[in-house]
Amino acid sequence: MRILALIPVLLPAPALAASPIAEVLCEPAPQMTERLAKRYGATLSSTGLRNPEEVVELWTDAQGDWTMVIAYASGTSCIVAMGEHWAQLAPQDPA
């Protein structure tokens, strides 16, 4: 019976997937802007109103990396997603 109790200990644990963002990064909006623009060479590409208290910002760089930020009315901004290979698509004629 003691051997059976050791089996879970001896089996390898499943590997955890690595996340590009280990945790959500939040800081005052001016510092977030400086981080993205000066440190990473990103520019603000587009924005959208999520609700009266939150604006979604999409930052991109020349290599196609992108970062999605939520800017809160409180003055805090948080990175909520990031990735690679951003492509700007031309508007399509619906006709």
PDB file of N, CA and C in Angstrom:
ATOM      1  N   MET A   1       0.802  -1.188   0.000  1.00  0.00           N
ATOM      2  CA  MET A   1       0.000   0.000   0.000  1.00  0.00           C
ATOM      3  C   MET A   1       0.850   1.259   0.000  1.00  0.00           C
ATOM      4  N   ARG A   2       2.000   1.218   0.661  1.00  0.00           N
ATOM      5  CA  ARG A   2       2.850   2.410   0.709  1.00  0.00           C
ATOM      6  C   ARG A   2       3.383   2.764  -0.671  1.00  0.00           C
ATOM      7  N   ILE A   3       3.644   1.782  -1.471  1.00  0.00           N
ATOM      8  CA  ILE A   3       4.137   2.042  -2.828  1.00  0.00           C
ATOM      9  C   ILE A   3       3.074   2.771  -3.635  1.00  0.00           C
ATOM     10  N   LEU A   4       1.829   2.380  -3.537  1.00  0.00           N
ATOM     11  CA  LEU A   4       0.758   3.054  -4.261  1.00  0.00           C
ATOM     12  C   LEU A   4       0.626   4.508  -3.826  1.00  0.00           C
ATOM     13  N   ALA A   5       0.881   4.800  -2.580  1.00  0.00           N
ATOM     14  CA  ALA A   5       0.792   6.170  -2.094  1.00  0.00           C
ATOM     15  C   ALA A   5       1.878   7.047  -2.691  1.00  0.00           C
ATOM     16  N   LEU A   6       3.002   6.474  -3.098  1.00  0.00           N
ATOM     17  CA  LEU A   6       4.111   7.244  -3.671  1.00  0.00           C
ATOM     18  C   LEU A   6       3.954   7.503  -5.168  1.00  0.00           C
ATOM     19  N   ILE A   7       3.082   6.794  -5.839  1.00  0.00           N
ATOM     20  CA  ILE A   7       2.934   6.942  -7.289  1.00  0.00           C
ATOM     21  C   ILE A   7       2.624   8.380  -7.692  1.00  0.00           C
ATOM     22  N   PRO A   8       1.664   9.088  -7.058  1.00  0.00           N
ATOM     23  CA  PRO A   8       1.423  10.473  -7.462  1.00  0.00           C
ATOM     24  C   PRO A   8       2.652  11.364  -7.282  1.00  0.00           C
ATOM     25  N   VAL A   9       3.485  11.071  -6.306  1.00  0.00           N
ATOM     26  CA  VAL A   9       4.683  11.874  -6.067  1.00  0.00           C
ATOM     27  C   VAL A   9       5.716  11.624  -7.157  1.00  0.00           C
ATOM     28  N   LEU A  10       5.797  10.414  -7.650  1.00  0.00           N
ATOM     29  CA  LEU A  10       6.813  10.048  -8.634  1.00  0.00           C
ATOM     30  C   LEU A  10       6.439  10.425 -10.064  1.00  0.00           C
ATOM     31  N   LEU A  11       5.152  10.600 -10.329  1.00  0.00           N
ATOM     32  CA  LEU A  11       4.720  10.966 -11.670  1.00  0.00           C
ATOM     33  C   LEU A  11       5.050  12.422 -11.949  1.00  0.00           C
ATOM     34  N   PRO A  12       5.487  12.727 -13.161  1.00  0.00           N
ATOM     35  CA  PRO A  12       5.789  14.127 -13.459  1.00  0.00           C
ATOM     36  C   PRO A  12       4.524  14.973 -13.458  1.00  0.00           C
ATOM     37  N   ALA A  13       4.658  16.187 -12.985  1.00  0.00           N
ATOM     38  CA  ALA A  13       3.537  17.117 -12.989  1.00  0.00           C
ATOM     39  C   ALA A  13       3.338  17.649 -14.399  1.00  0.00           C
ATOM     40  N   PRO A  14       2.099  17.956 -14.795  1.00  0.00           N
ATOM     41  CA  PRO A  14       1.884  18.519 -16.126  1.00  0.00           C
ATOM     42  C   PRO A  14       2.558  19.877 -16.229  1.00  0.00           C
ATOM     43  N   ALA A  15       3.112  20.133 -17.392  1.00  0.00           N
ATOM     44  CA  ALA A  15       3.778  21.419 -17.625  1.00  0.00           C
ATOM     45  C   ALA A  15       2.736  22.518 -17.748  1.00  0.00           C
ATOM     46  N   LEU A  16       2.985  23.629 -17.112  1.00  0.00           N
ATOM     47  CA  LEU A  16       2.083  24.770 -17.209  1.00  0.00           C
ATOM     48  C   LEU A  16       2.477  25.602 -18.416  1.00  0.00           C
ATOM     49  N   ALA A  17       1.504  26.045 -19.153  1.00  0.00           N
ATOM     50  CA  ALA A  17       1.772  26.875 -20.326  1.00  0.00           C
ATOM     51  C   ALA A  17       2.276  28.238 -19.871  1.00  0.00           C
ATOM     52  N   ALA A  18       3.290  28.735 -20.556  1.00  0.00           N
ATOM     53  CA  ALA A  18       3.832  30.056 -20.236  1.00  0.00           C
ATOM     54  C   ALA A  18       2.943  31.127 -20.849  1.00  0.00           C
ATOM     55  N   SER A  19       2.605  32.119 -20.076  1.00  0.00           N
ATOM     56  CA  SER A  19       1.769  33.211 -20.547  1.00  0.00           C
ATOM     57  C   SER A  19       2.646  34.398 -20.899  1.00  0.00           C
ATOM     58  N   PRO A  20       2.342  35.109 -21.995  1.00  0.00           N
ATOM     59  CA  PRO A  20       3.121  36.305 -22.296  1.00  0.00           C
ATOM     60  C   PRO A  20       2.918  37.385 -21.240  1.00  0.00           C
ATOM     61  N   ILE A  21       1.832  37.310 -20.491  1.00  0.00           N
ATOM     62  CA  ILE A  21       1.593  38.233 -19.386  1.00  0.00           C
ATOM     63  C   ILE A  21       1.321  37.367 -18.162  1.00  0.00           C
ATOM     64  N   ALA A  22       2.261  37.302 -17.256  1.00  0.00           N
ATOM     65  CA  ALA A  22       2.067  36.478 -16.068  1.00  0.00           C
ATOM     66  C   ALA A  22       0.942  37.043 -15.212  1.00  0.00           C
ATOM     67  N   GLU A  23       0.792  38.331 -15.214  1.00  0.00           N
ATOM     68  CA  GLU A  23      -0.283  38.981 -14.487  1.00  0.00           C
ATOM     69  C   GLU A  23      -0.606  40.279 -15.210  1.00  0.00           C
ATOM     70  N   VAL A  24      -1.757  40.825 -14.946  1.00  0.00           N
ATOM     71  CA  VAL A  24      -2.134  42.087 -15.571  1.00  0.00           C
ATOM     72  C   VAL A  24      -1.236  43.180 -15.010  1.00  0.00           C
ATOM     73  N   LEU A  25      -0.671  43.991 -15.883  1.00  0.00           N
ATOM     74  CA  LEU A  25       0.210  45.074 -15.476  1.00  0.00           C
ATOM     75  C   LEU A  25      -0.583  46.371 -15.487  1.00  0.00           C
ATOM     76  N   CYS A  26      -0.707  47.003 -14.326  1.00  0.00           N
ATOM     77  CA  CYS A  26      -1.422  48.268 -14.208  1.00  0.00           C
ATOM     78  C   CYS A  26      -0.491  49.324 -13.641  1.00  0.00           C
ATOM     79  N   GLU A  27      -0.646  50.541 -14.116  1.00  0.00           N
ATOM     80  CA  GLU A  27       0.105  51.670 -13.598  1.00  0.00           C
ATOM     81  C   GLU A  27      -0.585  52.953 -14.038  1.00  0.00           C
ATOM     82  N   PRO A  28      -0.199  54.093 -13.477  1.00  0.00           N
ATOM     83  CA  PRO A  28      -0.806  55.349 -13.914  1.00  0.00           C
ATOM     84  C   PRO A  28      -0.644  55.532 -15.435  1.00  0.00           C
ATOM     85  N   ALA A  29      -1.667  56.092 -16.047  1.00  0.00           N
ATOM     86  CA  ALA A  29      -1.693  56.218 -17.513  1.00  0.00           C
ATOM     87  C   ALA A  29      -0.442  56.883 -18.098  1.00  0.00           C
ATOM     88  N   PRO A  30       0.088  57.974 -17.516  1.00  0.00           N
ATOM     89  CA  PRO A  30       1.287  58.575 -18.114  1.00  0.00           C
ATOM     90  C   PRO A  30       2.486  57.620 -18.149  1.00  0.00           C
ATOM     91  N   GLN A  31       2.653  56.808 -17.109  1.00  0.00           N
ATOM     92  CA  GLN A  31       3.749  55.841 -17.104  1.00  0.00           C
ATOM     93  C   GLN A  31       3.524  54.733 -18.123  1.00  0.00           C
ATOM     94  N   MET A  32       2.256  54.313 -18.295  1.00  0.00           N
ATOM     95  CA  MET A  32       1.953  53.290 -19.290  1.00  0.00           C
ATOM     96  C   MET A  32       2.260  53.811 -20.685  1.00  0.00           C
ATOM     97  N   THR A  33       1.858  55.046 -20.962  1.00  0.00           N
ATOM     98  CA  THR A  33       2.141  55.645 -22.267  1.00  0.00           C
ATOM     99  C   THR A  33       3.640  55.716 -22.507  1.00  0.00           C
ATOM    100  N   GLU A  34       4.388  56.144 -21.494  1.00  0.00           N
ATOM    101  CA  GLU A  34       5.847  56.223 -21.640  1.00  0.00           C
ATOM    102  C   GLU A  34       6.450  54.845 -21.864  1.00  0.00           C
ATOM    103  N   ARG A  35       5.987  53.862 -21.117  1.00  0.00           N
ATOM    104  CA  ARG A  35       6.502  52.488 -21.260  1.00  0.00           C
ATOM    105  C   ARG A  35       6.295  51.989 -22.692  1.00  0.00           C
ATOM    106  N   LEU A  36       5.080  52.149 -23.199  1.00  0.00           N
ATOM    107  CA  LEU A  36       4.773  51.615 -24.522  1.00  0.00           C
ATOM    108  C   LEU A  36       5.453  52.409 -25.640  1.00  0.00           C
ATOM    109  N   ALA A  37       5.448  53.728 -25.534  1.00  0.00           N
ATOM    110  CA  ALA A  37       5.991  54.567 -26.606  1.00  0.00           C
ATOM    111  C   ALA A  37       7.518  54.621 -26.593  1.00  0.00           C
ATOM    112  N   LYS A  38       8.088  54.927 -25.463  1.00  0.00           N
ATOM    113  CA  LYS A  38       9.540  55.139 -25.419  1.00  0.00           C
ATOM    114  C   LYS A  38      10.330  53.851 -25.282  1.00  0.00           C
ATOM    115  N   ARG A  39       9.890  52.954 -24.418  1.00  0.00           N
ATOM    116  CA  ARG A  39      10.639  51.709 -24.208  1.00  0.00           C
ATOM    117  C   ARG A  39      10.447  50.717 -25.342  1.00  0.00           C
ATOM    118  N   TYR A  40       9.213  50.629 -25.857  1.00  0.00           N
ATOM    119  CA  TYR A  40       8.897  49.583 -26.832  1.00  0.00           C
ATOM    120  C   TYR A  40       8.622  50.103 -28.234  1.00  0.00           C
ATOM    121  N   GLY A  41       8.652  51.415 -28.436  1.00  0.00           N
ATOM    122  CA  GLY A  41       8.450  51.978 -29.771  1.00  0.00           C
ATOM    123  C   GLY A  41       7.061  51.784 -30.325  1.00  0.00           C
ATOM    124  N   ALA A  42       6.073  51.618 -29.471  1.00  0.00           N
ATOM    125  CA  ALA A  42       4.695  51.411 -29.919  1.00  0.00           C
ATOM    126  C   ALA A  42       3.992  52.749 -30.097  1.00  0.00           C
ATOM    127  N   THR A  43       3.009  52.742 -30.972  1.00  0.00           N
ATOM    128  CA  THR A  43       2.171  53.925 -31.167  1.00  0.00           C
ATOM    129  C   THR A  43       0.718  53.533 -30.948  1.00  0.00           C
ATOM    130  N   LEU A  44      -0.056  54.501 -30.483  1.00  0.00           N
ATOM    131  CA  LEU A  44      -1.478  54.268 -30.268  1.00  0.00           C
ATOM    132  C   LEU A  44      -2.150  54.190 -31.630  1.00  0.00           C
ATOM    133  N   SER A  45      -2.689  53.017 -31.969  1.00  0.00           N
ATOM    134  CA  SER A  45      -3.267  52.784 -33.298  1.00  0.00           C
ATOM    135  C   SER A  45      -4.760  53.022 -33.351  1.00  0.00           C
ATOM    136  N   SER A  46      -5.462  52.664 -32.277  1.00  0.00           N
ATOM    137  CA  SER A  46      -6.913  52.846 -32.271  1.00  0.00           C
ATOM    138  C   SER A  46      -7.429  52.813 -30.841  1.00  0.00           C
ATOM    139  N   THR A  47      -8.626  53.367 -30.679  1.00  0.00           N
ATOM    140  CA  THR A  47      -9.276  53.376 -29.367  1.00  0.00           C
ATOM    141  C   THR A  47     -10.758  53.093 -29.543  1.00  0.00           C
ATOM    142  N   GLY A  48     -11.369  52.658 -28.478  1.00  0.00           N
ATOM    143  CA  GLY A  48     -12.809  52.432 -28.492  1.00  0.00           C
ATOM    144  C   GLY A  48     -13.355  52.531 -27.085  1.00  0.00           C
ATOM    145  N   LEU A  49     -14.547  53.050 -26.957  1.00  0.00           N
ATOM    146  CA  LEU A  49     -15.187  53.195 -25.662  1.00  0.00           C
ATOM    147  C   LEU A  49     -15.808  51.862 -25.258  1.00  0.00           C
ATOM    148  N   ARG A  50     -15.365  51.328 -24.133  1.00  0.00           N
ATOM    149  CA  ARG A  50     -15.924  50.074 -23.625  1.00  0.00           C
ATOM    150  C   ARG A  50     -17.156  50.358 -22.778  1.00  0.00           C
ATOM    151  N   ASN A  51     -17.087  51.380 -21.970  1.00  0.00           N
ATOM    152  CA  ASN A  51     -18.212  51.893 -21.193  1.00  0.00           C
ATOM    153  C   ASN A  51     -17.816  53.301 -20.752  1.00  0.00           C
ATOM    154  N   PRO A  52     -18.677  54.039 -20.084  1.00  0.00           N
ATOM    155  CA  PRO A  52     -18.329  55.425 -19.741  1.00  0.00           C
ATOM    156  C   PRO A  52     -17.072  55.579 -18.887  1.00  0.00           C
ATOM    157  N   GLU A  53     -16.601  54.504 -18.257  1.00  0.00           N
ATOM    158  CA  GLU A  53     -15.439  54.568 -17.377  1.00  0.00           C
ATOM    159  C   GLU A  53     -14.182  53.927 -17.973  1.00  0.00           C
ATOM    160  N   GLU A  54     -14.282  53.323 -19.167  1.00  0.00           N
ATOM    161  CA  GLU A  54     -13.160  52.563 -19.711  1.00  0.00           C
ATOM    162  C   GLU A  54     -12.994  52.797 -21.216  1.00  0.00           C
ATOM    163  N   VAL A  55     -11.760  53.034 -21.616  1.00  0.00           N
ATOM    164  CA  VAL A  55     -11.415  53.151 -23.030  1.00  0.00           C
ATOM    165  C   VAL A  55     -10.428  52.041 -23.363  1.00  0.00           C
ATOM    166  N   VAL A  56     -10.693  51.313 -24.441  1.00  0.00           N
ATOM    167  CA  VAL A  56      -9.772  50.289 -24.921  1.00  0.00           C
ATOM    168  C   VAL A  56      -8.803  50.962 -25.886  1.00  0.00           C
ATOM    169  N   GLU A  57      -7.507  50.739 -25.661  1.00  0.00           N
ATOM    170  CA  GLU A  57      -6.475  51.281 -26.542  1.00  0.00           C
ATOM    171  C   GLU A  57      -5.720  50.128 -27.174  1.00  0.00           C
ATOM    172  N   LEU A  58      -5.413  50.262 -28.448  1.00  0.00           N
ATOM    173  CA  LEU A  58      -4.600  49.268 -29.132  1.00  0.00           C
ATOM    174  C   LEU A  58      -3.305  49.939 -29.563  1.00  0.00           C
ATOM    175  N   TRP A  59      -2.196  49.446 -29.036  1.00  0.00           N
ATOM    176  CA  TRP A  59      -0.864  49.956 -29.350  1.00  0.00           C
ATOM    177  C   TRP A  59      -0.158  48.948 -30.247  1.00  0.00           C
ATOM    178  N   THR A  60       0.487  49.427 -31.307  1.00  0.00           N
ATOM    179  CA  THR A  60       1.212  48.549 -32.220  1.00  0.00           C
ATOM    180  C   THR A  60       2.601  49.107 -32.479  1.00  0.00           C
ATOM    181  N   ASP A  61       3.500  48.230 -32.935  1.00  0.00           N
ATOM    182  CA  ASP A  61       4.826  48.696 -33.336  1.00  0.00           C
ATOM    183  C   ASP A  61       5.113  48.262 -34.766  1.00  0.00           C
ATOM    184  N   ALA A  62       6.227  48.693 -35.291  1.00  0.00           N
ATOM    185  CA  ALA A  62       6.568  48.443 -36.697  1.00  0.00           C
ATOM    186  C   ALA A  62       6.767  46.962 -37.007  1.00  0.00           C
ATOM    187  N   GLN A  63       7.086  46.142 -36.004  1.00  0.00           N
ATOM    188  CA  GLN A  63       7.300  44.706 -36.222  1.00  0.00           C
ATOM    189  C   GLN A  63       5.995  43.912 -36.177  1.00  0.00           C
ATOM    190  N   GLY A  64       4.873  44.572 -35.867  1.00  0.00           N
ATOM    191  CA  GLY A  64       3.592  43.882 -35.818  1.00  0.00           C
ATOM    192  C   GLY A  64       3.196  43.411 -34.437  1.00  0.00           C
ATOM    193  N   ASP A  65       3.996  43.739 -33.415  1.00  0.00           N
ATOM    194  CA  ASP A  65       3.597  43.403 -32.053  1.00  0.00           C
ATOM    195  C   ASP A  65       2.461  44.332 -31.634  1.00  0.00           C
ATOM    196  N   TRP A  66       1.536  43.837 -30.834  1.00  0.00           N
ATOM    197  CA  TRP A  66       0.411  44.664 -30.391  1.00  0.00           C
ATOM    198  C   TRP A  66       0.156  44.463 -28.907  1.00  0.00           C
ATOM    199  N   THR A  67      -0.383  45.505 -28.293  1.00  0.00           N
ATOM    200  CA  THR A  67      -0.719  45.489 -26.875  1.00  0.00           C
ATOM    201  C   THR A  67      -2.081  46.147 -26.700  1.00  0.00           C
ATOM    202  N   MET A  68      -2.989  45.460 -25.997  1.00  0.00           N
ATOM    203  CA  MET A  68      -4.301  46.023 -25.702  1.00  0.00           C
ATOM    204  C   MET A  68      -4.292  46.514 -24.264  1.00  0.00           C
ATOM    205  N   VAL A  69      -4.708  47.761 -24.086  1.00  0.00           N
ATOM    206  CA  VAL A  69      -4.701  48.414 -22.785  1.00  0.00           C
ATOM    207  C   VAL A  69      -6.116  48.897 -22.489  1.00  0.00           C
ATOM    208  N   ILE A  70      -6.537  48.763 -21.237  1.00  0.00           N
ATOM    209  CA  ILE A  70      -7.777  49.391 -20.777  1.00  0.00           C
ATOM    210  C   ILE A  70      -7.358  50.621 -19.977  1.00  0.00           C
ATOM    211  N   ALA A  71      -7.814  51.793 -20.411  1.00  0.00           N
ATOM    212  CA  ALA A  71      -7.560  53.042 -19.697  1.00  0.00           C
ATOM    213  C   ALA A  71      -8.817  53.384 -18.909  1.00  0.00           C
ATOM    214  N   TYR A  72      -8.670  53.469 -17.605  1.00  0.00           N
ATOM    215  CA  TYR A  72      -9.796  53.719 -16.712  1.00  0.00           C
ATOM    216  C   TYR A  72      -9.917  55.208 -16.404  1.00  0.00           C
ATOM    217  N   ALA A  73     -11.123  55.666 -16.133  1.00  0.00           N
ATOM    218  CA  ALA A  73     -11.375  57.063 -15.802  1.00  0.00           C
ATOM    219  C   ALA A  73     -10.618  57.485 -14.549  1.00  0.00           C
ATOM    220  N   SER A  74     -10.242  56.549 -13.716  1.00  0.00           N
ATOM    221  CA  SER A  74      -9.500  56.834 -12.487  1.00  0.00           C
ATOM    222  C   SER A  74      -8.075  57.300 -12.760  1.00  0.00           C
ATOM    223  N   GLY A  75      -7.601  57.102 -14.013  1.00  0.00           N
ATOM    224  CA  GLY A  75      -6.236  57.477 -14.359  1.00  0.00           C
ATOM    225  C   GLY A  75      -5.274  56.310 -14.420  1.00  0.00           C
ATOM    226  N   THR A  76      -5.768  55.115 -14.156  1.00  0.00           N
ATOM    227  CA  THR A  76      -4.952  53.904 -14.234  1.00  0.00           C
ATOM    228  C   THR A  76      -5.158  53.247 -15.588  1.00  0.00           C
ATOM    229  N   SER A  77      -4.082  52.675 -16.137  1.00  0.00           N
ATOM    230  CA  SER A  77      -4.151  51.896 -17.374  1.00  0.00           C
ATOM    231  C   SER A  77      -3.606  50.508 -17.093  1.00  0.00           C
ATOM    232  N   CYS A  78      -4.225  49.490 -17.720  1.00  0.00           N
ATOM    233  CA  CYS A  78      -3.817  48.102 -17.506  1.00  0.00           C
ATOM    234  C   CYS A  78      -3.648  47.386 -18.842  1.00  0.00           C
ATOM    235  N   ILE A  79      -2.535  46.682 -18.995  1.00  0.00           N
ATOM    236  CA  ILE A  79      -2.347  45.813 -20.164  1.00  0.00           C
ATOM    237  C   ILE A  79      -3.184  44.565 -19.925  1.00  0.00           C
ATOM    238  N   VAL A  80      -4.068  44.254 -20.878  1.00  0.00           N
ATOM    239  CA  VAL A  80      -4.942  43.100 -20.726  1.00  0.00           C
ATOM    240  C   VAL A  80      -4.682  42.010 -21.761  1.00  0.00           C
ATOM    241  N   ALA A  81      -3.966  42.333 -22.837  1.00  0.00           N
ATOM    242  CA  ALA A  81      -3.643  41.326 -23.849  1.00  0.00           C
ATOM    243  C   ALA A  81      -2.493  41.845 -24.705  1.00  0.00           C
ATOM    244  N   MET A  82      -1.755  40.920 -25.282  1.00  0.00           N
ATOM    245  CA  MET A  82      -0.694  41.290 -26.214  1.00  0.00           C
ATOM    246  C   MET A  82      -0.438  40.135 -27.166  1.00  0.00           C
ATOM    247  N   GLY A  83       0.174  40.458 -28.299  1.00  0.00           N
ATOM    248  CA  GLY A  83       0.440  39.421 -29.276  1.00  0.00           C
ATOM    249  C   GLY A  83       1.344  39.914 -30.384  1.00  0.00           C
ATOM    250  N   GLU A  84       1.365  39.168 -31.459  1.00  0.00           N
ATOM    251  CA  GLU A  84       2.240  39.443 -32.601  1.00  0.00           C
ATOM    252  C   GLU A  84       1.436  39.455 -33.893  1.00  0.00           C
ATOM    253  N   HIS A  85       2.063  39.913 -34.942  1.00  0.00           N
ATOM    254  CA  HIS A  85       1.547  39.850 -36.315  1.00  0.00           C
ATOM    255  C   HIS A  85       0.252  40.637 -36.508  1.00  0.00           C
ATOM    256  N   TRP A  86       0.184  41.837 -35.917  1.00  0.00           N
ATOM    257  CA  TRP A  86      -0.985  42.682 -36.130  1.00  0.00           C
ATOM    258  C   TRP A  86      -0.996  43.141 -37.574  1.00  0.00           C
ATOM    259  N   ALA A  87      -2.135  43.112 -38.212  1.00  0.00           N
ATOM    260  CA  ALA A  87      -2.273  43.576 -39.597  1.00  0.00           C
ATOM    261  C   ALA A  87      -3.448  44.545 -39.678  1.00  0.00           C
ATOM    262  N   GLN A  88      -3.190  45.699 -40.222  1.00  0.00           N
ATOM    263  CA  GLN A  88      -4.248  46.688 -40.424  1.00  0.00           C
ATOM    264  C   GLN A  88      -4.932  46.390 -41.747  1.00  0.00           C
ATOM    265  N   LEU A  89      -6.208  46.146 -41.728  1.00  0.00           N
ATOM    266  CA  LEU A  89      -6.959  45.809 -42.925  1.00  0.00           C
ATOM    267  C   LEU A  89      -7.635  47.049 -43.483  1.00  0.00           C
ATOM    268  N   ALA A  90      -7.675  47.140 -44.794  1.00  0.00           N
ATOM    269  CA  ALA A  90      -8.362  48.251 -45.444  1.00  0.00           C
ATOM    270  C   ALA A  90      -9.869  48.033 -45.334  1.00  0.00           C
ATOM    271  N   PRO A  91     -10.639  49.108 -45.188  1.00  0.00           N
ATOM    272  CA  PRO A  91     -12.095  48.962 -45.131  1.00  0.00           C
ATOM    273  C   PRO A  91     -12.620  48.297 -46.409  1.00  0.00           C
ATOM    274  N   GLN A  92     -13.602  47.432 -46.256  1.00  0.00           N
ATOM    275  CA  GLN A  92     -14.198  46.731 -47.391  1.00  0.00           C
ATOM    276  C   GLN A  92     -15.477  47.432 -47.818  1.00  0.00           C
ATOM    277  N   ASP A  93     -15.694  47.517 -49.106  1.00  0.00           N
ATOM    278  CA  ASP A  93     -16.926  48.068 -49.648  1.00  0.00           C
ATOM    279  C   ASP A  93     -18.029  47.027 -49.454  1.00  0.00           C
ATOM    280  N   PRO A  94     -19.087  47.367 -48.728  1.00  0.00           N
ATOM    281  CA  PRO A  94     -20.136  46.361 -48.465  1.00  0.00           C
ATOM    282  C   PRO A  94     -20.938  45.993 -49.710  1.00  0.00           C
ATOM    283  N   ALA A  95     -20.796  46.729 -50.787  1.00  0.00           N
ATOM    284  CA  ALA A  95     -21.591  46.442 -51.979  1.00  0.00           C
ATOM    285  C   ALA A  95     -21.057  45.340 -52.784  1.00  0.00           C
TER     286      ALA A  95
END
